[in-house]
C-alpha atoms as a PDB file:
ATOM      1  CA  UNK A   1      49.790 107.133  33.714  1.00  0.00           C
ATOM      2  CA  UNK A   2      50.053 107.753  37.440  1.00  0.00           C
ATOM      3  CA  UNK A   3      51.292 104.478  38.948  1.00  0.00           C
ATOM      4  CA  UNK A   4      49.143 104.914  42.070  1.00  0.00           C
ATOM      5  CA  UNK A   5      45.887 104.679  40.099  1.00  0.00           C
ATOM      6  CA  UNK A   6      44.139 101.296  39.838  1.00  0.00           C
ATOM      7  CA  UNK A   7      44.550  99.298  36.660  1.00  0.00           C
ATOM      8  CA  UNK A   8      43.071  96.102  35.283  1.00  0.00           C
ATOM      9  CA  UNK A   9      44.945  93.611  33.132  1.00  0.00           C
ATOM     10  CA  UNK A  10      42.585  91.702  30.830  1.00  0.00           C
ATOM     11  CA  UNK A  11      43.862  88.375  29.498  1.00  0.00           C
ATOM     12  CA  UNK A  12      41.871  86.552  26.836  1.00  0.00           C
ATOM     13  CA  UNK A  13      42.052  82.761  26.955  1.00  0.00           C
ATOM     14  CA  UNK A  14      44.296  80.849  24.569  1.00  0.00           C
ATOM     15  CA  UNK A  15      43.276  79.299  21.266  1.00  0.00           C
ATOM     16  CA  UNK A  16      40.526  76.665  21.082  1.00  0.00           C
ATOM     17  CA  UNK A  17      39.384  74.620  18.083  1.00  0.00           C
ATOM     18  CA  UNK A  18      36.392  76.928  17.695  1.00  0.00           C
ATOM     19  CA  UNK A  19      38.312  80.194  18.060  1.00  0.00           C
ATOM     20  CA  UNK A  20      40.574  78.862  15.302  1.00  0.00           C
ATOM     21  CA  UNK A  21      37.632  78.006  13.028  1.00  0.00           C
ATOM     22  CA  UNK A  22      35.745  81.218  13.858  1.00  0.00           C
ATOM     23  CA  UNK A  23      32.764  79.482  15.451  1.00  0.00           C
ATOM     24  CA  UNK A  24      30.934  81.419  18.154  1.00  0.00           C
ATOM     25  CA  UNK A  25      31.947  79.817  21.442  1.00  0.00           C
ATOM     26  CA  UNK A  26      29.827  81.011  24.318  1.00  0.00           C
ATOM     27  CA  UNK A  27      28.885  78.562  27.029  1.00  0.00           C
ATOM     28  CA  UNK A  28      30.231  75.454  25.247  1.00  0.00           C
ATOM     29  CA  UNK A  29      33.026  74.417  27.589  1.00  0.00           C
ATOM     30  CA  UNK A  30      35.787  73.335  25.218  1.00  0.00           C
ATOM     31  CA  UNK A  31      39.505  73.004  26.031  1.00  0.00           C
ATOM     32  CA  UNK A  32      42.509  74.861  24.707  1.00  0.00           C
ATOM     33  CA  UNK A  33      44.370  73.491  21.712  1.00  0.00           C
ATOM     34  CA  UNK A  34      48.051  72.582  22.049  1.00  0.00           C
ATOM     35  CA  UNK A  35      48.894  75.999  20.600  1.00  0.00           C
ATOM     36  CA  UNK A  36      46.459  77.595  23.032  1.00  0.00           C
ATOM     37  CA  UNK A  37      48.283  75.963  25.943  1.00  0.00           C
ATOM     38  CA  UNK A  38      51.657  77.083  24.596  1.00  0.00           C
ATOM     39  CA  UNK A  39      50.455  80.656  24.251  1.00  0.00           C
ATOM     40  CA  UNK A  40      48.992  80.624  27.770  1.00  0.00           C
ATOM     41  CA  UNK A  41      52.451  79.625  29.039  1.00  0.00           C
ATOM     42  CA  UNK A  42      53.931  82.535  27.089  1.00  0.00           C
ATOM     43  CA  UNK A  43      51.428  84.827  28.759  1.00  0.00           C
ATOM     44  CA  UNK A  44      53.045  83.714  32.025  1.00  0.00           C
ATOM     45  CA  UNK A  45      56.339  85.160  30.842  1.00  0.00           C
ATOM     46  CA  UNK A  46      54.628  88.405  29.831  1.00  0.00           C
ATOM     47  CA  UNK A  47      53.120  88.791  33.329  1.00  0.00           C
ATOM     48  CA  UNK A  48      56.172  87.652  35.282  1.00  0.00           C
ATOM     49  CA  UNK A  49      57.232  90.055  38.008  1.00  0.00           C
ATOM     50  CA  UNK A  50      53.936  91.969  38.112  1.00  0.00           C
ATOM     51  CA  UNK A  51      52.132  91.927  41.462  1.00  0.00           C
ATOM     52  CA  UNK A  52      48.335  91.765  41.482  1.00  0.00           C
ATOM     53  CA  UNK A  53      46.041  92.516  44.405  1.00  0.00           C
ATOM     54  CA  UNK A  54      43.389  90.182  42.985  1.00  0.00           C
ATOM     55  CA  UNK A  55      43.029  87.645  40.161  1.00  0.00           C
ATOM     56  CA  UNK A  56      39.606  86.847  38.703  1.00  0.00           C
ATOM     57  CA  UNK A  57      38.734  84.144  36.188  1.00  0.00           C
ATOM     58  CA  UNK A  58      35.719  83.005  34.190  1.00  0.00           C
ATOM     59  CA  UNK A  59      34.339  79.609  35.273  1.00  0.00           C
ATOM     60  CA  UNK A  60      34.804  78.136  31.768  1.00  0.00           C
ATOM     61  CA  UNK A  61      37.727  75.757  31.359  1.00  0.00           C
ATOM     62  CA  UNK A  62      39.439  77.608  28.510  1.00  0.00           C
ATOM     63  CA  UNK A  63      39.835  80.661  30.749  1.00  0.00           C
ATOM     64  CA  UNK A  64      40.661  78.656  33.890  1.00  0.00           C
ATOM     65  CA  UNK A  65      43.325  76.637  32.036  1.00  0.00           C
ATOM     66  CA  UNK A  66      44.854  79.821  30.604  1.00  0.00           C
ATOM     67  CA  UNK A  67      44.928  81.276  34.121  1.00  0.00           C
ATOM     68  CA  UNK A  68      46.582  78.123  35.470  1.00  0.00           C
ATOM     69  CA  UNK A  69      49.232  77.942  32.734  1.00  0.00           C
ATOM     70  CA  UNK A  70      49.940  81.664  33.165  1.00  0.00           C
ATOM     71  CA  UNK A  71      50.812  80.898  36.788  1.00  0.00           C
ATOM     72  CA  UNK A  72      47.786  82.276  38.654  1.00  0.00           C
ATOM     73  CA  UNK A  73      45.546  79.245  39.141  1.00  0.00           C
ATOM     74  CA  UNK A  74      46.302  78.936  42.857  1.00  0.00           C
ATOM     75  CA  UNK A  75      45.211  82.495  43.674  1.00  0.00           C
ATOM     76  CA  UNK A  76      42.397  83.103  41.182  1.00  0.00           C
ATOM     77  CA  UNK A  77      38.788  83.596  42.244  1.00  0.00           C
ATOM     78  CA  UNK A  78      36.052  82.383  39.886  1.00  0.00           C
ATOM     79  CA  UNK A  79      33.732  85.242  38.871  1.00  0.00           C
ATOM     80  CA  UNK A  80      30.597  83.982  37.070  1.00  0.00           C
ATOM     81  CA  UNK A  81      29.960  87.353  35.395  1.00  0.00           C
ATOM     82  CA  UNK A  82      33.173  86.881  33.361  1.00  0.00           C
ATOM     83  CA  UNK A  83      31.684  84.094  31.199  1.00  0.00           C
ATOM     84  CA  UNK A  84      31.505  84.628  27.458  1.00  0.00           C
ATOM     85  CA  UNK A  85      28.450  86.005  25.645  1.00  0.00           C
ATOM     86  CA  UNK A  86      25.586  83.499  25.553  1.00  0.00           C
ATOM     87  CA  UNK A  87      25.122  83.003  21.805  1.00  0.00           C
ATOM     88  CA  UNK A  88      21.921  80.980  22.189  1.00  0.00           C
ATOM     89  CA  UNK A  89      20.798  79.669  18.782  1.00  0.00           C
ATOM     90  CA  UNK A  90      24.025  80.927  17.210  1.00  0.00           C
ATOM     91  CA  UNK A  91      26.322  78.848  19.435  1.00  0.00           C
ATOM     92  CA  UNK A  92      28.932  77.038  17.350  1.00  0.00           C
ATOM     93  CA  UNK A  93      28.005  78.893  14.166  1.00  0.00           C
ATOM     94  CA  UNK A  94      30.056  81.133  11.874  1.00  0.00           C
ATOM     95  CA  UNK A  95      29.172  84.786  11.342  1.00  0.00           C
ATOM     96  CA  UNK A  96      29.150  84.257   7.548  1.00  0.00           C
ATOM     97  CA  UNK A  97      26.573  81.461   7.875  1.00  0.00           C
ATOM     98  CA  UNK A  98      24.386  83.529  10.200  1.00  0.00           C
ATOM     99  CA  UNK A  99      24.475  86.455   7.774  1.00  0.00           C
ATOM    100  CA  UNK A 100      23.299  84.269   4.915  1.00  0.00           C
ATOM    101  CA  UNK A 101      20.097  83.776   6.911  1.00  0.00           C
ATOM    102  CA  UNK A 102      20.060  87.222   8.485  1.00  0.00           C
ATOM    103  CA  UNK A 103      21.832  89.757   6.224  1.00  0.00           C
ATOM    104  CA  UNK A 104      23.571  92.563   8.067  1.00  0.00           C
ATOM    105  CA  UNK A 105      23.481  90.797  11.431  1.00  0.00           C
ATOM    106  CA  UNK A 106      25.886  92.244  14.000  1.00  0.00           C
ATOM    107  CA  UNK A 107      26.476  90.532  17.339  1.00  0.00           C
ATOM    108  CA  UNK A 108      27.218  93.783  19.149  1.00  0.00           C
ATOM    109  CA  UNK A 109      24.048  95.460  17.828  1.00  0.00           C
ATOM    110  CA  UNK A 110      21.579  92.588  17.498  1.00  0.00           C
ATOM    111  CA  UNK A 111      22.573  89.948  20.043  1.00  0.00           C
ATOM    112  CA  UNK A 112      21.481  86.351  19.614  1.00  0.00           C
ATOM    113  CA  UNK A 113      18.067  84.666  19.592  1.00  0.00           C
ATOM    114  CA  UNK A 114      17.785  82.380  22.585  1.00  0.00           C
ATOM    115  CA  UNK A 115      20.899  84.025  24.038  1.00  0.00           C
ATOM    116  CA  UNK A 116      22.005  87.389  25.387  1.00  0.00           C
ATOM    117  CA  UNK A 117      21.306  90.869  24.095  1.00  0.00           C
ATOM    118  CA  UNK A 118      24.081  93.466  23.967  1.00  0.00           C
ATOM    119  CA  UNK A 119      22.449  95.285  26.897  1.00  0.00           C
ATOM    120  CA  UNK A 120      22.479  92.102  29.006  1.00  0.00           C
ATOM    121  CA  UNK A 121      26.188  91.568  28.330  1.00  0.00           C
ATOM    122  CA  UNK A 122      26.778  95.261  29.025  1.00  0.00           C
ATOM    123  CA  UNK A 123      25.014  94.893  32.382  1.00  0.00           C
ATOM    124  CA  UNK A 124      27.317  91.998  33.303  1.00  0.00           C
ATOM    125  CA  UNK A 125      30.343  94.053  32.266  1.00  0.00           C
ATOM    126  CA  UNK A 126      29.087  96.934  34.406  1.00  0.00           C
ATOM    127  CA  UNK A 127      28.831  94.640  37.441  1.00  0.00           C
ATOM    128  CA  UNK A 128      32.410  93.465  36.880  1.00  0.00           C
ATOM    129  CA  UNK A 129      33.607  97.054  36.467  1.00  0.00           C
ATOM    130  CA  UNK A 130      31.860  98.111  39.686  1.00  0.00           C
ATOM    131  CA  UNK A 131      33.659  95.296  41.511  1.00  0.00           C
ATOM    132  CA  UNK A 132      37.016  96.205  39.960  1.00  0.00           C
ATOM    133  CA  UNK A 133      36.669  99.900  40.777  1.00  0.00           C
ATOM    134  CA  UNK A 134      35.577  99.189  44.344  1.00  0.00           C
ATOM    135  CA  UNK A 135      38.618  97.012  44.978  1.00  0.00           C
ATOM    136  CA  UNK A 136      41.291  99.238  43.478  1.00  0.00           C
ATOM    137  CA  UNK A 137      44.883  98.127  43.084  1.00  0.00           C
ATOM    138  CA  UNK A 138      46.170  96.128  40.123  1.00  0.00           C
ATOM    139  CA  UNK A 139      43.802  93.296  39.148  1.00  0.00           C
ATOM    140  CA  UNK A 140      44.279  90.503  36.609  1.00  0.00           C
ATOM    141  CA  UNK A 141      41.215  89.145  34.796  1.00  0.00           C
ATOM    142  CA  UNK A 142      41.057  86.007  32.612  1.00  0.00           C
ATOM    143  CA  UNK A 143      38.023  86.027  30.367  1.00  0.00           C
ATOM    144  CA  UNK A 144      36.816  85.775  26.770  1.00  0.00           C
ATOM    145  CA  UNK A 145      36.982  87.727  23.527  1.00  0.00           C
ATOM    146  CA  UNK A 146      33.545  89.241  23.048  1.00  0.00           C
ATOM    147  CA  UNK A 147      32.864  89.765  26.742  1.00  0.00           C
ATOM    148  CA  UNK A 148      36.233  91.469  27.250  1.00  0.00           C
ATOM    149  CA  UNK A 149      35.575  93.729  24.275  1.00  0.00           C
ATOM    150  CA  UNK A 150      32.305  94.851  25.868  1.00  0.00           C
ATOM    151  CA  UNK A 151      34.076  95.350  29.200  1.00  0.00           C
ATOM    152  CA  UNK A 152      36.680  97.532  27.483  1.00  0.00           C
ATOM    153  CA  UNK A 153      33.990  99.634  25.823  1.00  0.00           C
ATOM    154  CA  UNK A 154      31.984 100.027  29.024  1.00  0.00           C
ATOM    155  CA  UNK A 155      35.140 100.912  31.016  1.00  0.00           C
ATOM    156  CA  UNK A 156      35.464 104.110  28.994  1.00  0.00           C
ATOM    157  CA  UNK A 157      31.720 104.821  28.907  1.00  0.00           C
ATOM    158  CA  UNK A 158      30.928 103.515  25.413  1.00  0.00           C
ATOM    159  CA  UNK A 159      27.907 101.379  24.533  1.00  0.00           C
ATOM    160  CA  UNK A 160      28.231  97.604  24.051  1.00  0.00           C
ATOM    161  CA  UNK A 161      27.744  98.160  20.309  1.00  0.00           C
ATOM    162  CA  UNK A 162      31.006 100.133  20.203  1.00  0.00           C
ATOM    163  CA  UNK A 163      32.865  96.998  21.319  1.00  0.00           C
ATOM    164  CA  UNK A 164      32.819  95.926  17.659  1.00  0.00           C
ATOM    165  CA  UNK A 165      35.731  98.330  17.155  1.00  0.00           C
ATOM    166  CA  UNK A 166      37.957  96.577  19.751  1.00  0.00           C
ATOM    167  CA  UNK A 167      39.489  93.480  18.186  1.00  0.00           C
ATOM    168  CA  UNK A 168      40.979  90.913  20.549  1.00  0.00           C
ATOM    169  CA  UNK A 169      43.135  87.921  19.595  1.00  0.00           C
ATOM    170  CA  UNK A 170      43.519  84.773  21.674  1.00  0.00           C
ATOM    171  CA  UNK A 171      45.985  84.977  24.593  1.00  0.00           C
ATOM    172  CA  UNK A 172      46.181  88.752  24.073  1.00  0.00           C
ATOM    173  CA  UNK A 173      46.744  91.109  26.967  1.00  0.00           C
ATOM    174  CA  UNK A 174      45.000  94.455  27.433  1.00  0.00           C
ATOM    175  CA  UNK A 175      45.097  97.023  30.236  1.00  0.00           C
ATOM    176  CA  UNK A 176      42.396  99.462  31.270  1.00  0.00           C
ATOM    177  CA  UNK A 177      42.950 102.133  33.868  1.00  0.00           C
ATOM    178  CA  UNK A 178      42.953 105.910  34.161  1.00  0.00           C
ATOM    179  CA  UNK A 179      44.886 108.775  32.631  1.00  0.00           C
ATOM    180  CA  UNK A 180      45.097 111.474  35.330  1.00  0.00           C
ATOM    181  CA  UNK A 181      42.376 110.833  37.907  1.00  0.00           C
ATOM    182  CA  UNK A 182      39.580 108.367  38.617  1.00  0.00           C
ATOM    183  CA  UNK A 183      37.381 110.619  36.486  1.00  0.00           C
ATOM    184  CA  UNK A 184      39.496 109.785  33.409  1.00  0.00           C
ATOM    185  CA  UNK A 185      38.999 106.082  32.580  1.00  0.00           C
ATOM    186  CA  UNK A 186      41.229 105.030  29.694  1.00  0.00           C
ATOM    187  CA  UNK A 187      42.363 102.095  27.604  1.00  0.00           C
ATOM    188  CA  UNK A 188      46.069 101.890  28.386  1.00  0.00           C
ATOM    189  CA  UNK A 189      46.967  98.896  26.187  1.00  0.00           C
ATOM    190  CA  UNK A 190      44.834  96.793  23.861  1.00  0.00           C
ATOM    191  CA  UNK A 191      45.243  93.440  22.090  1.00  0.00           C
ATOM    192  CA  UNK A 192      48.952  92.966  22.819  1.00  0.00           C
ATOM    193  CA  UNK A 193      49.959  89.459  21.763  1.00  0.00           C
ATOM    194  CA  UNK A 194      53.661  89.967  21.042  1.00  0.00           C
ATOM    195  CA  UNK A 195      54.464  87.339  23.688  1.00  0.00           C
ATOM    196  CA  UNK A 196      52.550  84.752  21.632  1.00  0.00           C
ATOM    197  CA  UNK A 197      55.052  84.985  18.757  1.00  0.00           C
ATOM    198  CA  UNK A 198      58.242  85.192  20.795  1.00  0.00           C
ATOM    199  CA  UNK A 199      60.570  82.286  20.158  1.00  0.00           C
ATOM    200  CA  UNK A 200      58.890  81.224  16.890  1.00  0.00           C
END
C-alpha cells in the first residue's frame, strides 16, 4: 500500500466478563477483566512507535480503559458514534438463547427489538467513516466488536449484513485503508491478536 494514503487502525477493547461468556454487551458499561487489562497493555506494545494524527474512542469504559492502557488516553477524543450496537431487549443475552425463541435470528440481518437495526448501525458507521476520510492521515480508533465489524464492511462498500463474515476477537487490531488510490478502499489487516499471546 502507498504509505501516503490515509489509514485507520481499529482496536477492539479488551476482554470483559460478558465478552468471555458470549453475552451481548451493548450499552451496559462493564469493566475489563484482569486478562482484558493485560491484553490492552500488550496492545500498547503492538502500537509502540506508530504516530497517529488523531485518536478516537467510544465513550464506554471498556473502550476508554483499553485506550488508556494502550497509552493513548491523554490524547484520545471521545466519539459517541463509536459505541457498541444497542441490543435493546437482547442486551446481556446469548445468541443460542435468543435463537431458541427466534430460530434463525441473525444480529447483522435482523437487529434487535427495542434496540438498533443493522441500517441504523450502518448509518453510524458511515458517519464515522466520513469523519475519518475527511481528516486523512493515520487514525487510531478504540471501539467494540460488532460496531467495528460493521465499520469494516461499510469501509469497503459492503452492507451491514456482510459484517457477519468479519470475526473480531477482543484486543484485536485491524487496519483499513486503500490499495492504490482513494477510490480503492481496502481491508489491510483484520483481527490481528498475536500481541495478546506474546509472552504466554
